Amino acid sequence: MIIYFAETTVAEQRGLLCRWTERFHTEKKPVQILVDSMYEAQTIDQLLWTFAQGSFIPHSIFNPGEAPPDDPVVITPVEARLSGFDTLICDLPADLEFIFEFETAVHFIMRDDEQRRGQSRALWQKARESRADTVHVPYGNQP
């Protein structure tokens, strides 16, 4: 289990989420993106279509209660691990036990949000104590 702790700002987080998604998609890794609502899922859906000229990432939104889609990138508005997805990108802070269900995860550290930065610090500490491979990705050193 490896968790990337990627530094960003609130304004840049979504663009960075798209770039991490593109990176893993290029590596042929199915990606599950965790968001906190259907509204946020629709926002990410739109961004994945428009974030970069010439970029195409097949994706869909998972509707709880329905069968998971067949796309290699799925946006989920709930903490529900979908079969076949070993990479998680968290648009919001997620429970560490849920994160540990994946081989690879990305958690964003908000440089300009003190509360979220504190949550990230606590998550980092818990992950290290649990012997996860934690990788700090400094601001500006992103995919």
Protein backbone atom coordinates (compact mmCIF):
# COMPACT_ATOMS: atom_id res chain seq x y z
CA MET A 1 0.00 0.00 0.00
CA ILE A 2 1.34 3.37 -1.06
CA ILE A 3 -0.31 6.69 -0.26
CA TYR A 4 0.79 9.80 -2.11
CA PHE A 5 0.30 12.93 -0.01
CA ALA A 6 0.21 15.62 -2.71
CA GLU A 7 0.46 19.28 -1.70
CA THR A 8 -1.84 21.68 -3.51
CA THR A 9 -4.09 24.65 -2.98
CA VAL A 10 -7.87 24.65 -2.84
CA ALA A 11 -8.02 26.43 -6.22
CA GLU A 12 -5.67 23.93 -7.89
CA GLN A 13 -6.87 20.68 -6.32
CA ARG A 14 -9.35 19.65 -9.00
CA GLY A 15 -6.92 20.23 -11.86
CA LEU A 16 -4.34 18.19 -9.99
CA LEU A 17 -6.90 15.45 -9.38
CA CYS A 18 -7.41 15.27 -13.14
CA ARG A 19 -3.65 15.06 -13.78
CA TRP A 20 -3.21 12.22 -11.24
CA THR A 21 -6.18 10.45 -12.85
CA GLU A 22 -4.61 10.85 -16.29
CA ARG A 23 -1.27 9.55 -14.97
CA PHE A 24 -2.79 6.35 -13.58
CA HIS A 25 -5.04 5.90 -16.62
CA THR A 26 -1.97 6.16 -18.86
CA GLU A 27 -0.36 3.45 -16.69
CA LYS A 28 -3.46 1.28 -17.37
CA LYS A 29 -4.54 1.34 -13.71
CA PRO A 30 -8.29 1.49 -13.06
CA VAL A 31 -9.02 4.53 -10.90
CA GLN A 32 -11.76 5.13 -8.39
CA ILE A 33 -12.28 8.81 -7.46
CA LEU A 34 -13.97 9.43 -4.11
CA VAL A 35 -16.15 12.53 -3.76
CA ASP A 36 -18.66 13.55 -1.09
CA SER A 37 -21.82 14.06 -3.16
CA MET A 38 -23.44 13.49 -6.52
CA TYR A 39 -23.03 17.22 -7.22
CA GLU A 40 -19.24 16.93 -6.73
CA ALA A 41 -19.23 13.77 -8.88
CA GLN A 42 -20.84 15.75 -11.71
CA THR A 43 -18.29 18.55 -11.25
CA ILE A 44 -15.38 16.08 -11.55
CA ASP A 45 -17.14 14.44 -14.52
CA GLN A 46 -17.16 17.80 -16.36
CA LEU A 47 -13.53 18.54 -15.44
CA LEU A 48 -12.31 15.20 -16.77
CA TRP A 49 -13.80 16.15 -20.16
CA THR A 50 -12.32 19.65 -20.24
CA PHE A 51 -9.14 19.85 -18.12
CA ALA A 52 -6.63 19.39 -20.96
CA GLN A 53 -6.80 19.89 -24.70
CA GLY A 54 -6.56 16.55 -26.47
CA SER A 55 -6.87 14.48 -23.29
CA PHE A 56 -9.48 11.74 -23.15
CA ILE A 57 -10.12 9.69 -20.04
CA PRO A 58 -13.11 7.33 -20.30
CA HIS A 59 -15.02 7.66 -17.05
CA SER A 60 -18.44 7.53 -15.45
CA ILE A 61 -20.25 8.19 -12.19
CA PHE A 62 -21.22 5.29 -9.95
CA ASN A 63 -24.82 5.44 -8.75
CA PRO A 64 -25.13 3.56 -5.43
CA GLY A 65 -27.59 0.72 -5.77
CA GLU A 66 -26.70 0.11 -9.42
CA ALA A 67 -24.08 -2.12 -10.99
CA PRO A 68 -20.65 -0.49 -11.22
CA PRO A 69 -19.84 0.90 -14.69
CA ASP A 70 -17.26 -0.77 -16.95
CA ASP A 71 -15.17 2.38 -17.46
CA PRO A 72 -11.53 2.44 -16.30
CA VAL A 73 -12.22 5.55 -14.18
CA VAL A 74 -15.24 5.70 -11.91
CA ILE A 75 -16.31 8.59 -9.69
CA THR A 76 -18.03 7.45 -6.48
CA PRO A 77 -20.03 9.69 -4.13
CA VAL A 78 -19.71 7.14 -1.30
CA GLU A 79 -16.94 5.11 0.36
CA ALA A 80 -17.74 1.91 -1.50
CA ARG A 81 -14.82 -0.07 -2.92
CA LEU A 82 -15.56 -1.22 -6.43
CA SER A 83 -14.17 -4.55 -7.58
CA GLY A 84 -11.22 -4.30 -9.93
CA PHE A 85 -10.14 -0.82 -8.82
CA ASP A 86 -6.82 -0.79 -6.98
CA THR A 87 -6.13 2.96 -7.24
CA LEU A 88 -8.02 5.56 -5.22
CA ILE A 89 -7.91 9.33 -5.60
CA CYS A 90 -9.57 11.20 -2.74
CA ASP A 91 -11.25 14.49 -3.51
CA LEU A 92 -11.97 14.71 0.22
CA PRO A 93 -10.37 13.27 3.34
CA ALA A 94 -11.23 9.57 3.50
CA ASP A 95 -11.16 7.05 6.31
CA LEU A 96 -7.79 5.33 6.53
CA GLU A 97 -9.39 1.87 6.72
CA PHE A 98 -11.11 2.57 3.40
CA ILE A 99 -7.87 3.85 1.85
CA PHE A 100 -6.10 0.65 2.95
CA GLU A 101 -8.45 -1.39 0.74
CA PHE A 102 -6.49 -0.09 -2.27
CA GLU A 103 -2.93 -0.70 -3.49
CA THR A 104 -2.37 2.97 -4.31
CA ALA A 105 -4.07 6.14 -3.08
CA VAL A 106 -3.70 9.89 -3.50
CA HIS A 107 -4.62 12.28 -0.70
CA PHE A 108 -4.40 16.04 -1.21
CA ILE A 109 -2.80 18.29 1.39
CA MET A 110 -4.38 21.74 1.23
CA ARG A 111 -1.64 24.30 1.75
CA ASP A 112 -4.14 27.14 2.18
CA ASP A 113 -6.75 25.43 4.40
CA GLU A 114 -5.52 25.04 7.97
CA GLN A 115 -8.27 22.59 8.99
CA ARG A 116 -7.69 20.29 6.00
CA ARG A 117 -3.91 20.54 6.50
CA GLY A 118 -4.39 19.38 10.10
CA GLN A 119 -6.51 16.45 8.90
CA SER A 120 -3.77 15.53 6.44
CA ARG A 121 -1.12 15.66 9.16
CA ALA A 122 -3.19 13.30 11.34
CA LEU A 123 -3.82 10.93 8.41
CA TRP A 124 -0.09 10.92 7.54
CA GLN A 125 0.79 10.01 11.12
CA LYS A 126 -1.79 7.21 11.29
CA ALA A 127 -0.66 5.84 7.93
CA ARG A 128 2.99 5.84 9.02
CA GLU A 129 2.09 4.10 12.29
CA SER A 130 0.20 1.49 10.25
CA ARG A 131 3.34 0.96 8.16
CA ALA A 132 1.88 2.23 4.91
CA ASP A 133 4.38 3.48 2.35
CA THR A 134 3.74 7.23 2.50
CA VAL A 135 5.17 9.52 -0.16
CA HIS A 136 5.14 13.29 0.23
CA VAL A 137 4.72 15.03 -3.11
CA PRO A 138 5.74 18.68 -2.61
CA TYR A 139 3.82 21.54 -4.17
CA GLY A 140 4.92 22.00 -7.76
CA ASN A 141 6.28 18.43 -8.15
CA GLN A 142 3.07 16.89 -9.46
CA PRO A 143 2.39 14.69 -12.49
